[in-house]
Amino acid sequence: MKQNGLYWTLFAPMIKSSIKKRFGKEMAVRAIVKGRKRYRDLVREAPELGKGNPMASNAYFAYVFVGAWLGTGKKLSPDDIALVMADVLKTVRPFFALTDLNKTPDKWYKDMKKYEKWYNAGNGKRYPTTWKVHFDEGKHRDGSYYYFSVCPICSYLTGKGLGEIMRPLCETDKIMFAYQHGRLYRENTIASGGKICDYWSVGDKTADPQ
């Protein structure tokens, strides 16, 4: 992938603050000082996801946390990193709260349809490692439902022997949907051995979602 320092610049201070609070200053400094290079290495070695890929930000976001984790020499466990990610997401909660899934329950369906359009415009063939999205409009009445049969983050990190960090990365999805006044129902993730990563999201005011 092409280098993008914006994500590190934006999130590294938040990561440092969380690690310092939870695990001490020395660990926080190590995570950031050594993690910056690890982040750059991760991005440089990652498969290209394509110009204009609407989903590429997810990979950059994930690799910032993985870089910081590797910067600690894995002295922090995946569960520790999950706490750090939760702290960072809480800090940026106002951004996610701009979306209210009670008012726009099909928001993610529309966004994924835009991604599908990008994918089908030849980009899926050019970049076969990118996410492959599918829809089943008849599966649920409420909210949005879609699933991925390919996840480049999981494929890449697992291939590098870093699969243990995928569980906390996947768990951030539920936090982000909650901050958007929604609930995420999920039965499978590729990282846990499933064939798909499924997303069914509804507004948190939806009673008995169907």
C-alpha atoms as a PDB file:
ATOM      1  CA  MET A   1       0.000   0.000   0.000  1.00  0.00           C
ATOM      2  CA  LYS A   2       1.019   3.597  -0.422  1.00  0.00           C
ATOM      3  CA  GLN A   3       2.297   5.353   2.671  1.00  0.00           C
ATOM      4  CA  ASN A   4      -0.185   7.583   4.472  1.00  0.00           C
ATOM      5  CA  GLY A   5       1.116   9.340   7.562  1.00  0.00           C
ATOM      6  CA  LEU A   6      -2.191  11.030   8.367  1.00  0.00           C
ATOM      7  CA  TYR A   7      -3.534   8.071  10.313  1.00  0.00           C
ATOM      8  CA  TRP A   8      -0.426   7.722  12.460  1.00  0.00           C
ATOM      9  CA  THR A   9      -0.300  11.466  13.089  1.00  0.00           C
ATOM     10  CA  LEU A  10      -3.953  11.513  14.110  1.00  0.00           C
ATOM     11  CA  PHE A  11      -4.173   8.404  16.268  1.00  0.00           C
ATOM     12  CA  ALA A  12      -0.668   7.941  17.731  1.00  0.00           C
ATOM     13  CA  PRO A  13      -1.112  10.655  20.406  1.00  0.00           C
ATOM     14  CA  MET A  14      -4.380   9.055  21.511  1.00  0.00           C
ATOM     15  CA  ILE A  15      -2.762   5.628  21.624  1.00  0.00           C
ATOM     16  CA  LYS A  16       0.156   7.001  23.623  1.00  0.00           C
ATOM     17  CA  SER A  17      -2.179   8.652  26.110  1.00  0.00           C
ATOM     18  CA  SER A  18      -4.164   5.448  26.616  1.00  0.00           C
ATOM     19  CA  ILE A  19      -1.112   3.226  27.031  1.00  0.00           C
ATOM     20  CA  LYS A  20       0.487   5.710  29.433  1.00  0.00           C
ATOM     21  CA  LYS A  21      -2.657   5.777  31.552  1.00  0.00           C
ATOM     22  CA  ARG A  22      -3.099   2.016  31.588  1.00  0.00           C
ATOM     23  CA  PHE A  23       0.419   0.596  31.346  1.00  0.00           C
ATOM     24  CA  GLY A  24       2.886   3.366  32.157  1.00  0.00           C
ATOM     25  CA  LYS A  25       4.971   6.001  30.426  1.00  0.00           C
ATOM     26  CA  GLU A  26       7.813   3.689  29.415  1.00  0.00           C
ATOM     27  CA  MET A  27       5.481   1.343  27.560  1.00  0.00           C
ATOM     28  CA  ALA A  28       3.721   4.275  25.909  1.00  0.00           C
ATOM     29  CA  VAL A  29       6.972   5.784  24.638  1.00  0.00           C
ATOM     30  CA  ARG A  30       8.148   2.410  23.325  1.00  0.00           C
ATOM     31  CA  ALA A  31       4.856   1.848  21.505  1.00  0.00           C
ATOM     32  CA  ILE A  32       5.093   5.150  19.666  1.00  0.00           C
ATOM     33  CA  VAL A  33       8.839   5.467  19.062  1.00  0.00           C
ATOM     34  CA  LYS A  34       9.236   1.925  17.742  1.00  0.00           C
ATOM     35  CA  GLY A  35       5.691   1.586  16.498  1.00  0.00           C
ATOM     36  CA  ARG A  36       5.990   4.320  13.907  1.00  0.00           C
ATOM     37  CA  LYS A  37       8.507   2.323  11.897  1.00  0.00           C
ATOM     38  CA  ARG A  38       6.486  -0.860  12.342  1.00  0.00           C
ATOM     39  CA  TYR A  39       3.419   0.952  11.011  1.00  0.00           C
ATOM     40  CA  ARG A  40       5.334   2.150   7.969  1.00  0.00           C
ATOM     41  CA  ASP A  41       6.655  -1.355   7.367  1.00  0.00           C
ATOM     42  CA  LEU A  42       3.173  -2.839   7.646  1.00  0.00           C
ATOM     43  CA  VAL A  43       1.766  -0.364   5.139  1.00  0.00           C
ATOM     44  CA  ARG A  44       4.686  -0.742   2.727  1.00  0.00           C
ATOM     45  CA  GLU A  45       4.399  -4.539   2.686  1.00  0.00           C
ATOM     46  CA  ALA A  46       0.584  -4.694   2.550  1.00  0.00           C
ATOM     47  CA  PRO A  47      -1.053  -5.570  -0.784  1.00  0.00           C
ATOM     48  CA  GLU A  48      -2.251  -2.565  -2.739  1.00  0.00           C
ATOM     49  CA  LEU A  49      -5.985  -1.936  -2.324  1.00  0.00           C
ATOM     50  CA  GLY A  50      -6.437   0.455  -5.224  1.00  0.00           C
ATOM     51  CA  LYS A  51      -6.749   4.162  -5.868  1.00  0.00           C
ATOM     52  CA  GLY A  52      -9.974   5.618  -4.564  1.00  0.00           C
ATOM     53  CA  ASN A  53     -10.863   2.489  -2.580  1.00  0.00           C
ATOM     54  CA  PRO A  54     -13.590   3.680  -0.156  1.00  0.00           C
ATOM     55  CA  MET A  55     -12.586   0.969   2.320  1.00  0.00           C
ATOM     56  CA  ALA A  56      -8.832   1.600   2.398  1.00  0.00           C
ATOM     57  CA  SER A  57      -9.107   3.815   5.482  1.00  0.00           C
ATOM     58  CA  ASN A  58     -10.093   0.738   7.490  1.00  0.00           C
ATOM     59  CA  ALA A  59      -6.741  -0.857   6.738  1.00  0.00           C
ATOM     60  CA  TYR A  60      -4.713   2.240   7.601  1.00  0.00           C
ATOM     61  CA  PHE A  61      -6.676   2.596  10.844  1.00  0.00           C
ATOM     62  CA  ALA A  62      -6.051  -1.027  11.804  1.00  0.00           C
ATOM     63  CA  TYR A  63      -2.341  -0.919  10.986  1.00  0.00           C
ATOM     64  CA  VAL A  64      -1.783   2.073  13.285  1.00  0.00           C
ATOM     65  CA  PHE A  65      -2.831  -0.049  16.262  1.00  0.00           C
ATOM     66  CA  VAL A  66      -0.948  -3.099  15.057  1.00  0.00           C
ATOM     67  CA  GLY A  67       2.166  -0.957  14.581  1.00  0.00           C
ATOM     68  CA  ALA A  68       1.924   0.387  18.124  1.00  0.00           C
ATOM     69  CA  TRP A  69       1.366  -3.146  19.451  1.00  0.00           C
ATOM     70  CA  LEU A  70       4.452  -4.397  17.611  1.00  0.00           C
ATOM     71  CA  GLY A  71       6.307  -1.354  18.903  1.00  0.00           C
ATOM     72  CA  THR A  72       5.820  -2.680  22.424  1.00  0.00           C
ATOM     73  CA  GLY A  73       7.452  -5.919  21.356  1.00  0.00           C
ATOM     74  CA  LYS A  74       4.085  -7.594  21.997  1.00  0.00           C
ATOM     75  CA  LYS A  75       4.527  -6.826  25.682  1.00  0.00           C
ATOM     76  CA  LEU A  76       0.884  -5.814  25.571  1.00  0.00           C
ATOM     77  CA  SER A  77      -1.578  -8.622  24.899  1.00  0.00           C
ATOM     78  CA  PRO A  78      -4.316  -8.459  22.267  1.00  0.00           C
ATOM     79  CA  ASP A  79      -6.762  -7.896  25.136  1.00  0.00           C
ATOM     80  CA  ASP A  80      -4.640  -4.951  26.288  1.00  0.00           C
ATOM     81  CA  ILE A  81      -4.735  -3.488  22.801  1.00  0.00           C
ATOM     82  CA  ALA A  82      -8.511  -3.936  22.783  1.00  0.00           C
ATOM     83  CA  LEU A  83      -8.680  -1.610  25.790  1.00  0.00           C
ATOM     84  CA  VAL A  84      -6.469   0.927  24.030  1.00  0.00           C
ATOM     85  CA  MET A  85      -8.621   0.820  20.906  1.00  0.00           C
ATOM     86  CA  ALA A  86     -11.738   1.313  23.022  1.00  0.00           C
ATOM     87  CA  ASP A  87     -10.131   4.374  24.637  1.00  0.00           C
ATOM     88  CA  VAL A  88      -9.257   5.873  21.265  1.00  0.00           C
ATOM     89  CA  LEU A  89     -12.692   5.220  19.826  1.00  0.00           C
ATOM     90  CA  LYS A  90     -14.257   6.859  22.865  1.00  0.00           C
ATOM     91  CA  THR A  91     -12.126   9.941  22.203  1.00  0.00           C
ATOM     92  CA  VAL A  92     -13.424  10.211  18.635  1.00  0.00           C
ATOM     93  CA  ARG A  93     -16.971   9.252  19.584  1.00  0.00           C
ATOM     94  CA  PRO A  94     -18.428  12.642  18.491  1.00  0.00           C
ATOM     95  CA  PHE A  95     -17.362  11.860  14.926  1.00  0.00           C
ATOM     96  CA  PHE A  96     -19.221   8.549  14.878  1.00  0.00           C
ATOM     97  CA  ALA A  97     -22.221  10.096  16.634  1.00  0.00           C
ATOM     98  CA  LEU A  98     -22.822  12.278  13.574  1.00  0.00           C
ATOM     99  CA  THR A  99     -24.508   9.174  12.152  1.00  0.00           C
ATOM    100  CA  ASP A 100     -27.775   8.096  13.763  1.00  0.00           C
ATOM    101  CA  LEU A 101     -28.843   4.664  12.551  1.00  0.00           C
ATOM    102  CA  ASN A 102     -32.291   5.251  13.979  1.00  0.00           C
ATOM    103  CA  LYS A 103     -32.771   8.041  11.445  1.00  0.00           C
ATOM    104  CA  THR A 104     -30.790   6.500   8.574  1.00  0.00           C
ATOM    105  CA  PRO A 105     -31.075   2.715   9.081  1.00  0.00           C
ATOM    106  CA  ASP A 106     -29.904   1.959   5.534  1.00  0.00           C
ATOM    107  CA  LYS A 107     -26.816   4.164   5.793  1.00  0.00           C
ATOM    108  CA  TRP A 108     -24.335   1.306   5.665  1.00  0.00           C
ATOM    109  CA  TYR A 109     -26.230  -0.511   2.940  1.00  0.00           C
ATOM    110  CA  LYS A 110     -25.912   2.589   0.731  1.00  0.00           C
ATOM    111  CA  ASP A 111     -22.235   3.000   1.604  1.00  0.00           C
ATOM    112  CA  MET A 112     -21.484  -0.614   0.765  1.00  0.00           C
ATOM    113  CA  LYS A 113     -23.404  -0.265  -2.501  1.00  0.00           C
ATOM    114  CA  LYS A 114     -21.068   2.604  -3.386  1.00  0.00           C
ATOM    115  CA  TYR A 115     -18.122   0.367  -2.575  1.00  0.00           C
ATOM    116  CA  GLU A 116     -19.624  -2.427  -4.690  1.00  0.00           C
ATOM    117  CA  LYS A 117     -19.843   0.005  -7.610  1.00  0.00           C
ATOM    118  CA  TRP A 118     -16.138   0.823  -7.195  1.00  0.00           C
ATOM    119  CA  TYR A 119     -15.315  -2.898  -6.977  1.00  0.00           C
ATOM    120  CA  ASN A 120     -17.334  -3.794 -10.068  1.00  0.00           C
ATOM    121  CA  ALA A 121     -15.742  -1.006 -12.117  1.00  0.00           C
ATOM    122  CA  GLY A 122     -12.791  -3.317 -12.748  1.00  0.00           C
ATOM    123  CA  ASN A 123     -11.117  -2.696  -9.416  1.00  0.00           C
ATOM    124  CA  GLY A 124     -12.047  -6.082  -8.005  1.00  0.00           C
ATOM    125  CA  LYS A 125     -10.046  -7.769 -10.748  1.00  0.00           C
ATOM    126  CA  ARG A 126      -7.140  -5.347 -10.472  1.00  0.00           C
ATOM    127  CA  TYR A 127      -6.979  -5.688  -6.682  1.00  0.00           C
ATOM    128  CA  PRO A 128      -8.213  -9.204  -5.827  1.00  0.00           C
ATOM    129  CA  THR A 129      -7.098  -8.912  -2.207  1.00  0.00           C
ATOM    130  CA  THR A 130      -9.569  -6.114  -1.430  1.00  0.00           C
ATOM    131  CA  TRP A 131     -12.842  -6.687   0.408  1.00  0.00           C
ATOM    132  CA  LYS A 132     -15.508  -8.588  -1.519  1.00  0.00           C
ATOM    133  CA  VAL A 133     -18.980  -7.485  -0.423  1.00  0.00           C
ATOM    134  CA  HIS A 134     -22.265  -9.351  -0.856  1.00  0.00           C
ATOM    135  CA  PHE A 135     -25.887  -8.489  -0.106  1.00  0.00           C
ATOM    136  CA  ASP A 136     -28.985 -10.469   0.822  1.00  0.00           C
ATOM    137  CA  GLU A 137     -31.832  -7.954   0.743  1.00  0.00           C
ATOM    138  CA  GLY A 138     -34.377 -10.561   1.801  1.00  0.00           C
ATOM    139  CA  LYS A 139     -32.586 -11.723   4.933  1.00  0.00           C
ATOM    140  CA  HIS A 140     -33.726  -8.933   7.284  1.00  0.00           C
ATOM    141  CA  ARG A 141     -36.534  -6.407   7.302  1.00  0.00           C
ATOM    142  CA  ASP A 142     -34.809  -3.884   9.551  1.00  0.00           C
ATOM    143  CA  GLY A 143     -31.542  -2.018   9.177  1.00  0.00           C
ATOM    144  CA  SER A 144     -28.694  -2.969   6.855  1.00  0.00           C
ATOM    145  CA  TYR A 145     -27.276  -6.389   6.072  1.00  0.00           C
ATOM    146  CA  TYR A 146     -24.213  -7.287   4.049  1.00  0.00           C
ATOM    147  CA  TYR A 147     -21.192  -9.543   4.373  1.00  0.00           C
ATOM    148  CA  PHE A 148     -17.618  -9.857   3.183  1.00  0.00           C
ATOM    149  CA  SER A 149     -16.131 -13.060   1.828  1.00  0.00           C
ATOM    150  CA  VAL A 150     -12.642 -11.515   1.586  1.00  0.00           C
ATOM    151  CA  CYS A 151     -10.982  -9.329   4.225  1.00  0.00           C
ATOM    152  CA  PRO A 152      -7.552  -8.006   3.223  1.00  0.00           C
ATOM    153  CA  ILE A 153      -6.665  -7.010   6.791  1.00  0.00           C
ATOM    154  CA  CYS A 154      -7.257 -10.526   8.072  1.00  0.00           C
ATOM    155  CA  SER A 155      -5.517 -12.182   5.127  1.00  0.00           C
ATOM    156  CA  TYR A 156      -2.470  -9.958   5.439  1.00  0.00           C
ATOM    157  CA  LEU A 157      -2.000 -10.042   9.204  1.00  0.00           C
ATOM    158  CA  THR A 158      -2.715 -13.752   9.474  1.00  0.00           C
ATOM    159  CA  GLY A 159      -0.218 -14.386   6.702  1.00  0.00           C
ATOM    160  CA  LYS A 160       2.381 -12.485   8.705  1.00  0.00           C
ATOM    161  CA  GLY A 161       1.727 -14.613  11.783  1.00  0.00           C
ATOM    162  CA  LEU A 162      -0.157 -11.820  13.552  1.00  0.00           C
ATOM    163  CA  GLY A 163      -3.596 -13.396  13.536  1.00  0.00           C
ATOM    164  CA  GLU A 164      -4.037 -13.049  17.289  1.00  0.00           C
ATOM    165  CA  ILE A 165      -4.571  -9.307  16.929  1.00  0.00           C
ATOM    166  CA  MET A 166      -7.589  -9.789  14.645  1.00  0.00           C
ATOM    167  CA  ARG A 167     -10.120 -10.500  17.400  1.00  0.00           C
ATOM    168  CA  PRO A 168      -9.767  -7.084  19.084  1.00  0.00           C
ATOM    169  CA  LEU A 169      -9.695  -5.398  15.684  1.00  0.00           C
ATOM    170  CA  CYS A 170     -12.979  -7.077  14.741  1.00  0.00           C
ATOM    171  CA  GLU A 171     -14.537  -6.188  18.090  1.00  0.00           C
ATOM    172  CA  THR A 172     -14.123  -2.472  17.385  1.00  0.00           C
ATOM    173  CA  ASP A 173     -16.955  -2.787  14.869  1.00  0.00           C
ATOM    174  CA  LYS A 174     -19.521  -3.194  17.632  1.00  0.00           C
ATOM    175  CA  ILE A 175     -18.169  -0.154  19.447  1.00  0.00           C
ATOM    176  CA  MET A 176     -18.347   2.005  16.336  1.00  0.00           C
ATOM    177  CA  PHE A 177     -21.892   0.940  15.540  1.00  0.00           C
ATOM    178  CA  ALA A 178     -22.929   1.627  19.149  1.00  0.00           C
ATOM    179  CA  TYR A 179     -21.551   5.159  18.848  1.00  0.00           C
ATOM    180  CA  GLN A 180     -23.731   5.557  15.756  1.00  0.00           C
ATOM    181  CA  HIS A 181     -26.814   4.825  17.878  1.00  0.00           C
ATOM    182  CA  GLY A 182     -26.955   1.314  16.536  1.00  0.00           C
ATOM    183  CA  ARG A 183     -26.460  -2.343  17.339  1.00  0.00           C
ATOM    184  CA  LEU A 184     -24.393  -4.779  15.326  1.00  0.00           C
ATOM    185  CA  TYR A 185     -25.511  -8.394  15.152  1.00  0.00           C
ATOM    186  CA  ARG A 186     -22.835 -10.758  13.918  1.00  0.00           C
ATOM    187  CA  GLU A 187     -22.621 -14.526  13.668  1.00  0.00           C
ATOM    188  CA  ASN A 188     -19.346 -14.975  11.795  1.00  0.00           C
ATOM    189  CA  THR A 189     -15.946 -13.463  11.182  1.00  0.00           C
ATOM    190  CA  ILE A 190     -13.277 -14.710   8.843  1.00  0.00           C
ATOM    191  CA  ALA A 191     -10.729 -14.120  11.595  1.00  0.00           C
ATOM    192  CA  SER A 192     -12.475 -16.625  13.875  1.00  0.00           C
ATOM    193  CA  GLY A 193     -12.532 -19.283  11.178  1.00  0.00           C
ATOM    194  CA  GLY A 194     -15.775 -18.393   9.418  1.00  0.00           C
ATOM    195  CA  LYS A 195     -16.148 -18.088   5.679  1.00  0.00           C
ATOM    196  CA  ILE A 196     -17.622 -14.597   5.942  1.00  0.00           C
ATOM    197  CA  CYS A 197     -17.750 -11.467   8.090  1.00  0.00           C
ATOM    198  CA  ASP A 198     -21.411 -10.567   8.418  1.00  0.00           C
ATOM    199  CA  TYR A 199     -22.883  -7.196   9.357  1.00  0.00           C
ATOM    200  CA  TRP A 200     -26.501  -6.693  10.370  1.00  0.00           C
ATOM    201  CA  SER A 201     -26.931  -3.264  11.917  1.00  0.00           C
ATOM    202  CA  VAL A 202     -30.099  -1.647  13.249  1.00  0.00           C
ATOM    203  CA  GLY A 203     -30.858   1.502  15.196  1.00  0.00           C
ATOM    204  CA  ASP A 204     -30.620   1.017  18.952  1.00  0.00           C
ATOM    205  CA  LYS A 205     -34.249   2.102  19.314  1.00  0.00           C
ATOM    206  CA  THR A 206     -35.465  -0.719  17.076  1.00  0.00           C
ATOM    207  CA  ALA A 207     -37.602  -3.064  19.143  1.00  0.00           C
ATOM    208  CA  ASP A 208     -37.472  -6.753  18.202  1.00  0.00           C
ATOM    209  CA  PRO A 209     -35.490  -6.280  14.966  1.00  0.00           C
ATOM    210  CA  GLN A 210     -36.404  -8.623  12.169  1.00  0.00           C
END
